[in-house]
Amino acid sequence: MTTTTADTTADPDADYRSRCPLASALDLLGDKWTLIIVRDMIAGKRRYGEFLSSPERIPSNILAGRLRRLDDAGIVNKRLYQENPPRHEYLLTRKGAELLPVLQQLAAWGHRHLPGRWAPPAWFFEATPEDLCGAGMPRG
């Protein structure tokens, strides 16, 4: 009897529907919560409890999964800030900071076309990805 070992090489396309860059970006970011977490990080939130305090009220199990997925994708960097008990904070990487213009355009579109929405603060539209990385966020 011959035994074979499973190929442990990760398929980079396994989590995506197609090789279309838009479809792939939506596979990673297009759920109900992920861009809200990135928005909160742009606004300065870094810790688990801070994300839970957002007005959208993300469930804690969903938050844990989304943060893990963002870390795995290189959009955030998980960093230990307390050892006992272990506590982590999450920082946008350069790759994550480059989502800022996307969020700015989505927010502008939502403000223009969805009545009754509040206007995002001016700093949100004035910020650049470089500003985010310059605020102590890793440039990875």
N, C-alpha and C. Protein backbone atom coordinates (compact mmCIF):
# COMPACT_ATOMS: atom_id res chain seq x y z
N MET A 1 0.85 -1.18 0.00
CA MET A 1 0.00 0.00 0.00
C MET A 1 0.88 1.23 0.00
N THR A 2 0.59 2.16 -0.86
CA THR A 2 1.35 3.39 -0.96
C THR A 2 0.62 4.49 -0.22
N THR A 3 1.37 5.22 0.59
CA THR A 3 0.76 6.36 1.27
C THR A 3 1.27 7.64 0.63
N THR A 4 0.40 8.59 0.59
CA THR A 4 0.78 9.89 0.05
C THR A 4 0.55 10.93 1.11
N THR A 5 1.33 11.96 1.03
CA THR A 5 1.14 13.06 1.97
C THR A 5 0.36 14.15 1.27
N ALA A 6 -0.46 14.80 2.03
CA ALA A 6 -1.27 15.90 1.47
C ALA A 6 -0.36 17.07 1.13
N ASP A 7 -0.67 17.74 0.07
CA ASP A 7 0.06 18.95 -0.31
C ASP A 7 -0.28 20.04 0.68
N THR A 8 0.72 20.52 1.41
CA THR A 8 0.46 21.55 2.42
C THR A 8 0.67 22.96 1.88
N THR A 9 0.96 23.06 0.60
CA THR A 9 1.13 24.38 0.00
C THR A 9 -0.24 25.04 -0.12
N ALA A 10 -0.36 26.22 0.44
CA ALA A 10 -1.64 26.93 0.39
C ALA A 10 -1.91 27.43 -1.02
N ASP A 11 -3.12 27.25 -1.46
CA ASP A 11 -3.54 27.75 -2.76
C ASP A 11 -3.97 29.20 -2.58
N PRO A 12 -3.26 30.16 -3.20
CA PRO A 12 -3.61 31.57 -3.00
C PRO A 12 -4.99 31.94 -3.54
N ASP A 13 -5.56 31.10 -4.39
CA ASP A 13 -6.88 31.38 -4.95
C ASP A 13 -8.01 30.66 -4.21
N ALA A 14 -7.69 29.89 -3.19
CA ALA A 14 -8.69 29.04 -2.52
C ALA A 14 -9.84 29.84 -1.91
N ASP A 15 -9.58 31.04 -1.44
CA ASP A 15 -10.62 31.83 -0.77
C ASP A 15 -11.36 32.78 -1.71
N TYR A 16 -11.09 32.70 -3.00
CA TYR A 16 -11.65 33.66 -3.94
C TYR A 16 -12.46 32.95 -5.02
N ARG A 17 -13.55 33.62 -5.45
CA ARG A 17 -14.42 33.06 -6.48
C ARG A 17 -13.78 33.04 -7.85
N SER A 18 -12.94 34.03 -8.12
CA SER A 18 -12.33 34.13 -9.44
C SER A 18 -11.03 34.93 -9.30
N ARG A 19 -10.38 35.13 -10.42
CA ARG A 19 -9.15 35.93 -10.43
C ARG A 19 -9.43 37.41 -10.71
N CYS A 20 -10.70 37.78 -10.81
CA CYS A 20 -11.08 39.18 -11.00
C CYS A 20 -10.70 39.96 -9.74
N PRO A 21 -9.93 41.05 -9.87
CA PRO A 21 -9.51 41.78 -8.67
C PRO A 21 -10.67 42.37 -7.87
N LEU A 22 -11.73 42.82 -8.54
CA LEU A 22 -12.88 43.36 -7.81
C LEU A 22 -13.60 42.26 -7.04
N ALA A 23 -13.86 41.14 -7.70
CA ALA A 23 -14.52 40.02 -7.02
C ALA A 23 -13.68 39.53 -5.86
N SER A 24 -12.37 39.45 -6.04
CA SER A 24 -11.48 38.99 -4.96
C SER A 24 -11.46 39.98 -3.80
N ALA A 25 -11.42 41.27 -4.09
CA ALA A 25 -11.46 42.28 -3.03
C ALA A 25 -12.78 42.18 -2.26
N LEU A 26 -13.87 41.96 -2.98
CA LEU A 26 -15.17 41.81 -2.31
C LEU A 26 -15.24 40.53 -1.49
N ASP A 27 -14.59 39.47 -1.97
CA ASP A 27 -14.54 38.23 -1.18
C ASP A 27 -13.87 38.49 0.17
N LEU A 28 -12.85 39.32 0.18
CA LEU A 28 -12.11 39.62 1.41
C LEU A 28 -12.79 40.68 2.26
N LEU A 29 -13.33 41.72 1.63
CA LEU A 29 -13.78 42.91 2.36
C LEU A 29 -15.28 43.18 2.30
N GLY A 30 -16.01 42.44 1.47
CA GLY A 30 -17.37 42.83 1.14
C GLY A 30 -18.47 42.35 2.06
N ASP A 31 -18.15 41.88 3.24
CA ASP A 31 -19.22 41.48 4.15
C ASP A 31 -19.74 42.70 4.91
N LYS A 32 -20.66 42.47 5.80
CA LYS A 32 -21.34 43.54 6.55
C LYS A 32 -20.43 44.27 7.54
N TRP A 33 -19.34 43.65 8.00
CA TRP A 33 -18.60 44.19 9.13
C TRP A 33 -17.17 44.64 8.84
N THR A 34 -16.50 44.06 7.88
CA THR A 34 -15.05 44.26 7.73
C THR A 34 -14.67 45.72 7.53
N LEU A 35 -15.34 46.42 6.63
CA LEU A 35 -14.97 47.82 6.39
C LEU A 35 -15.36 48.72 7.55
N ILE A 36 -16.34 48.32 8.35
CA ILE A 36 -16.67 49.07 9.57
C ILE A 36 -15.50 48.97 10.55
N ILE A 37 -14.90 47.80 10.66
CA ILE A 37 -13.73 47.63 11.53
C ILE A 37 -12.58 48.48 11.02
N VAL A 38 -12.34 48.47 9.71
CA VAL A 38 -11.27 49.30 9.13
C VAL A 38 -11.58 50.78 9.37
N ARG A 39 -12.84 51.18 9.20
CA ARG A 39 -13.24 52.57 9.49
C ARG A 39 -12.89 52.93 10.93
N ASP A 40 -13.22 52.05 11.85
CA ASP A 40 -12.93 52.32 13.26
C ASP A 40 -11.43 52.42 13.52
N MET A 41 -10.64 51.61 12.82
CA MET A 41 -9.19 51.70 12.98
C MET A 41 -8.67 53.03 12.44
N ILE A 42 -9.24 53.49 11.34
CA ILE A 42 -8.86 54.80 10.79
C ILE A 42 -9.17 55.89 11.81
N ALA A 43 -10.26 55.72 12.55
CA ALA A 43 -10.67 56.70 13.56
C ALA A 43 -9.87 56.56 14.86
N GLY A 44 -8.97 55.58 14.94
CA GLY A 44 -8.09 55.46 16.09
C GLY A 44 -8.37 54.31 17.04
N LYS A 45 -9.41 53.53 16.77
CA LYS A 45 -9.67 52.37 17.63
C LYS A 45 -8.63 51.29 17.35
N ARG A 46 -8.17 50.63 18.42
CA ARG A 46 -7.15 49.60 18.27
C ARG A 46 -7.46 48.33 19.04
N ARG A 47 -8.28 48.46 20.07
CA ARG A 47 -8.48 47.33 20.98
C ARG A 47 -9.88 46.74 20.83
N TYR A 48 -9.97 45.47 21.17
CA TYR A 48 -11.19 44.69 20.99
C TYR A 48 -12.42 45.39 21.57
N GLY A 49 -12.32 45.83 22.81
CA GLY A 49 -13.45 46.50 23.46
C GLY A 49 -13.85 47.78 22.77
N GLU A 50 -12.88 48.48 22.18
CA GLU A 50 -13.19 49.71 21.44
C GLU A 50 -14.03 49.40 20.21
N PHE A 51 -13.69 48.31 19.52
CA PHE A 51 -14.48 47.92 18.34
C PHE A 51 -15.90 47.53 18.74
N LEU A 52 -16.02 46.85 19.88
CA LEU A 52 -17.35 46.43 20.35
C LEU A 52 -18.23 47.62 20.72
N SER A 53 -17.62 48.76 21.04
CA SER A 53 -18.40 49.94 21.46
C SER A 53 -18.94 50.75 20.28
N SER A 54 -18.64 50.36 19.06
CA SER A 54 -19.14 51.10 17.89
C SER A 54 -20.66 51.02 17.82
N PRO A 55 -21.30 52.05 17.25
CA PRO A 55 -22.77 52.08 17.23
C PRO A 55 -23.40 50.93 16.43
N GLU A 56 -22.65 50.31 15.54
CA GLU A 56 -23.21 49.22 14.74
C GLU A 56 -23.33 47.92 15.54
N ARG A 57 -22.68 47.85 16.69
CA ARG A 57 -22.80 46.73 17.63
C ARG A 57 -22.45 45.38 17.00
N ILE A 58 -21.24 45.25 16.53
CA ILE A 58 -20.78 43.98 15.97
C ILE A 58 -20.75 42.90 17.05
N PRO A 59 -21.29 41.73 16.77
CA PRO A 59 -21.22 40.64 17.75
C PRO A 59 -19.75 40.22 17.99
N SER A 60 -19.42 39.85 19.21
CA SER A 60 -18.02 39.58 19.56
C SER A 60 -17.44 38.41 18.77
N ASN A 61 -18.23 37.38 18.50
CA ASN A 61 -17.69 36.25 17.73
C ASN A 61 -17.39 36.66 16.29
N ILE A 62 -18.20 37.52 15.72
CA ILE A 62 -17.96 38.02 14.36
C ILE A 62 -16.71 38.90 14.36
N LEU A 63 -16.59 39.78 15.35
CA LEU A 63 -15.42 40.65 15.45
C LEU A 63 -14.14 39.84 15.51
N ALA A 64 -14.11 38.81 16.34
CA ALA A 64 -12.91 37.98 16.47
C ALA A 64 -12.53 37.36 15.12
N GLY A 65 -13.51 36.85 14.40
CA GLY A 65 -13.24 36.25 13.10
C GLY A 65 -12.76 37.25 12.07
N ARG A 66 -13.37 38.42 12.05
CA ARG A 66 -12.97 39.45 11.07
C ARG A 66 -11.56 39.97 11.37
N LEU A 67 -11.25 40.19 12.64
CA LEU A 67 -9.90 40.64 12.99
C LEU A 67 -8.86 39.59 12.59
N ARG A 68 -9.16 38.34 12.82
CA ARG A 68 -8.25 37.26 12.44
C ARG A 68 -8.05 37.24 10.92
N ARG A 69 -9.15 37.40 10.17
CA ARG A 69 -9.05 37.39 8.71
C ARG A 69 -8.26 38.60 8.21
N LEU A 70 -8.49 39.78 8.81
CA LEU A 70 -7.73 40.97 8.42
C LEU A 70 -6.24 40.81 8.73
N ASP A 71 -5.92 40.19 9.85
CA ASP A 71 -4.53 39.92 10.21
C ASP A 71 -3.91 38.93 9.22
N ASP A 72 -4.61 37.85 8.92
CA ASP A 72 -4.12 36.85 7.98
C ASP A 72 -3.87 37.45 6.60
N ALA A 73 -4.69 38.42 6.21
CA ALA A 73 -4.57 39.06 4.89
C ALA A 73 -3.52 40.16 4.86
N GLY A 74 -2.93 40.49 6.01
CA GLY A 74 -1.92 41.55 6.05
C GLY A 74 -2.49 42.95 6.05
N ILE A 75 -3.77 43.09 6.35
CA ILE A 75 -4.41 44.40 6.39
C ILE A 75 -4.23 45.04 7.76
N VAL A 76 -4.17 44.22 8.79
CA VAL A 76 -3.88 44.69 10.14
C VAL A 76 -2.73 43.87 10.71
N ASN A 77 -2.12 44.43 11.73
CA ASN A 77 -1.06 43.77 12.46
C ASN A 77 -1.52 43.62 13.90
N LYS A 78 -1.60 42.40 14.37
CA LYS A 78 -2.00 42.11 15.74
C LYS A 78 -0.76 42.21 16.63
N ARG A 79 -0.86 43.01 17.69
CA ARG A 79 0.30 43.25 18.55
C ARG A 79 -0.09 43.07 20.02
N LEU A 80 0.70 42.29 20.73
CA LEU A 80 0.49 42.08 22.16
C LEU A 80 0.85 43.36 22.91
N TYR A 81 -0.06 43.88 23.72
CA TYR A 81 0.25 45.05 24.53
C TYR A 81 0.22 44.75 26.02
N GLN A 82 -0.28 43.58 26.39
CA GLN A 82 -0.30 43.16 27.79
C GLN A 82 -0.13 41.65 27.83
N GLU A 83 0.77 41.18 28.71
CA GLU A 83 1.05 39.75 28.74
C GLU A 83 0.13 38.95 29.66
N ASN A 84 -0.27 39.51 30.80
CA ASN A 84 -1.05 38.74 31.75
C ASN A 84 -2.23 39.54 32.27
N PRO A 85 -3.43 39.27 31.85
CA PRO A 85 -3.77 38.30 30.80
C PRO A 85 -3.38 38.85 29.43
N PRO A 86 -3.18 37.95 28.46
CA PRO A 86 -2.77 38.42 27.13
C PRO A 86 -3.84 39.30 26.50
N ARG A 87 -3.43 40.47 26.06
CA ARG A 87 -4.34 41.39 25.36
C ARG A 87 -3.60 41.95 24.14
N HIS A 88 -4.37 42.11 23.08
CA HIS A 88 -3.79 42.55 21.82
C HIS A 88 -4.46 43.83 21.34
N GLU A 89 -3.72 44.55 20.52
CA GLU A 89 -4.29 45.67 19.78
C GLU A 89 -4.03 45.40 18.31
N TYR A 90 -4.78 46.08 17.49
CA TYR A 90 -4.74 45.86 16.05
C TYR A 90 -4.43 47.18 15.37
N LEU A 91 -3.40 47.16 14.52
CA LEU A 91 -2.95 48.36 13.82
C LEU A 91 -3.04 48.13 12.32
N LEU A 92 -3.46 49.15 11.60
CA LEU A 92 -3.47 49.05 10.14
C LEU A 92 -2.05 48.97 9.62
N THR A 93 -1.83 48.09 8.66
CA THR A 93 -0.57 48.06 7.93
C THR A 93 -0.68 49.06 6.78
N ARG A 94 0.38 49.19 6.03
CA ARG A 94 0.34 50.05 4.84
C ARG A 94 -0.76 49.56 3.89
N LYS A 95 -0.84 48.26 3.73
CA LYS A 95 -1.88 47.66 2.87
C LYS A 95 -3.27 48.06 3.37
N GLY A 96 -3.48 48.03 4.66
CA GLY A 96 -4.76 48.43 5.23
C GLY A 96 -5.02 49.91 5.09
N ALA A 97 -3.98 50.73 5.30
CA ALA A 97 -4.13 52.18 5.18
C ALA A 97 -4.52 52.58 3.76
N GLU A 98 -4.11 51.79 2.78
CA GLU A 98 -4.46 52.09 1.39
C GLU A 98 -5.94 51.89 1.09
N LEU A 99 -6.70 51.37 2.04
CA LEU A 99 -8.16 51.29 1.89
C LEU A 99 -8.83 52.63 2.18
N LEU A 100 -8.11 53.58 2.78
CA LEU A 100 -8.71 54.87 3.14
C LEU A 100 -9.43 55.54 1.97
N PRO A 101 -8.82 55.71 0.79
CA PRO A 101 -9.56 56.37 -0.30
C PRO A 101 -10.83 55.62 -0.70
N VAL A 102 -10.82 54.31 -0.59
CA VAL A 102 -12.01 53.51 -0.90
C VAL A 102 -13.12 53.86 0.09
N LEU A 103 -12.78 53.90 1.37
CA LEU A 103 -13.78 54.24 2.39
C LEU A 103 -14.24 55.68 2.27
N GLN A 104 -13.35 56.58 1.90
CA GLN A 104 -13.74 57.98 1.70
C GLN A 104 -14.77 58.08 0.59
N GLN A 105 -14.55 57.38 -0.51
CA GLN A 105 -15.49 57.43 -1.63
C GLN A 105 -16.82 56.77 -1.27
N LEU A 106 -16.79 55.65 -0.56
CA LEU A 106 -18.04 55.00 -0.13
C LEU A 106 -18.82 55.90 0.81
N ALA A 107 -18.12 56.56 1.74
CA ALA A 107 -18.79 57.46 2.69
C ALA A 107 -19.40 58.65 1.95
N ALA A 108 -18.67 59.22 0.99
CA ALA A 108 -19.19 60.35 0.22
C ALA A 108 -20.42 59.92 -0.57
N TRP A 109 -20.35 58.75 -1.19
CA TRP A 109 -21.49 58.25 -1.95
C TRP A 109 -22.69 58.03 -1.03
N GLY A 110 -22.47 57.40 0.13
CA GLY A 110 -23.56 57.16 1.07
C GLY A 110 -24.19 58.44 1.58
N HIS A 111 -23.36 59.45 1.85
CA HIS A 111 -23.88 60.73 2.32
C HIS A 111 -24.72 61.41 1.24
N ARG A 112 -24.27 61.28 -0.02
CA ARG A 112 -24.97 61.91 -1.14
C ARG A 112 -26.28 61.20 -1.50
N HIS A 113 -26.28 59.89 -1.45
CA HIS A 113 -27.39 59.13 -2.03
C HIS A 113 -28.29 58.40 -1.04
N LEU A 114 -27.94 58.38 0.23
CA LEU A 114 -28.77 57.71 1.23
C LEU A 114 -29.26 58.75 2.21
N PRO A 115 -30.50 59.22 2.05
CA PRO A 115 -31.02 60.32 2.86
C PRO A 115 -30.96 60.04 4.36
N GLY A 116 -30.72 61.11 5.11
CA GLY A 116 -30.75 61.03 6.56
C GLY A 116 -29.47 60.56 7.20
N ARG A 117 -28.42 60.36 6.43
CA ARG A 117 -27.15 59.93 7.00
C ARG A 117 -26.35 61.15 7.43
N TRP A 118 -25.61 61.02 8.53
CA TRP A 118 -24.80 62.14 8.99
C TRP A 118 -23.56 62.27 8.12
N ALA A 119 -23.05 63.46 8.06
CA ALA A 119 -21.84 63.71 7.27
C ALA A 119 -20.62 63.22 8.03
N PRO A 120 -19.74 62.48 7.36
CA PRO A 120 -18.49 62.10 8.02
C PRO A 120 -17.70 63.34 8.41
N PRO A 121 -16.90 63.26 9.47
CA PRO A 121 -16.13 64.43 9.90
C PRO A 121 -15.12 64.85 8.83
N ALA A 122 -14.79 66.12 8.82
CA ALA A 122 -13.87 66.66 7.81
C ALA A 122 -12.53 65.94 7.81
N TRP A 123 -12.00 65.61 9.00
CA TRP A 123 -10.68 64.97 9.05
C TRP A 123 -10.67 63.66 8.26
N PHE A 124 -11.83 62.99 8.19
CA PHE A 124 -11.91 61.72 7.49
C PHE A 124 -11.58 61.91 6.01
N PHE A 125 -12.07 63.00 5.42
CA PHE A 125 -11.81 63.26 4.01
C PHE A 125 -10.46 63.91 3.77
N GLU A 126 -9.89 64.51 4.80
CA GLU A 126 -8.59 65.17 4.65
C GLU A 126 -7.43 64.22 4.88
N ALA A 127 -7.67 63.10 5.53
CA ALA A 127 -6.61 62.14 5.84
C ALA A 127 -6.11 61.45 4.58
N THR A 128 -4.87 61.01 4.63
CA THR A 128 -4.27 60.24 3.55
C THR A 128 -3.72 58.94 4.14
N PRO A 129 -3.49 57.92 3.31
CA PRO A 129 -2.86 56.70 3.84
C PRO A 129 -1.53 56.98 4.53
N GLU A 130 -0.78 57.96 4.02
CA GLU A 130 0.49 58.31 4.64
C GLU A 130 0.28 58.85 6.05
N ASP A 131 -0.79 59.60 6.27
CA ASP A 131 -1.11 60.09 7.61
C ASP A 131 -1.32 58.92 8.57
N LEU A 132 -2.00 57.91 8.11
CA LEU A 132 -2.30 56.77 8.97
C LEU A 132 -1.03 56.02 9.32
N CYS A 133 -0.17 55.81 8.35
CA CYS A 133 1.08 55.10 8.63
C CYS A 133 2.01 55.95 9.47
N GLY A 134 1.92 57.26 9.35
CA GLY A 134 2.76 58.15 10.13
C GLY A 134 2.33 58.25 11.58
N ALA A 135 1.18 57.68 11.92
CA ALA A 135 0.66 57.76 13.28
C ALA A 135 1.03 56.52 14.09
N GLY A 136 2.20 55.96 13.81
CA GLY A 136 2.67 54.82 14.57
C GLY A 136 2.18 53.49 14.06
N MET A 137 1.53 53.47 12.91
CA MET A 137 1.07 52.22 12.35
C MET A 137 2.20 51.60 11.55
N PRO A 138 2.30 50.28 11.56
CA PRO A 138 3.38 49.64 10.81
C PRO A 138 3.22 49.87 9.32
N ARG A 139 4.31 49.96 8.62
CA ARG A 139 4.27 50.20 7.18
C ARG A 139 4.27 48.91 6.37
N GLY A 140 3.97 47.79 6.99
CA GLY A 140 4.01 46.48 6.32
C GLY A 140 3.02 46.31 5.23
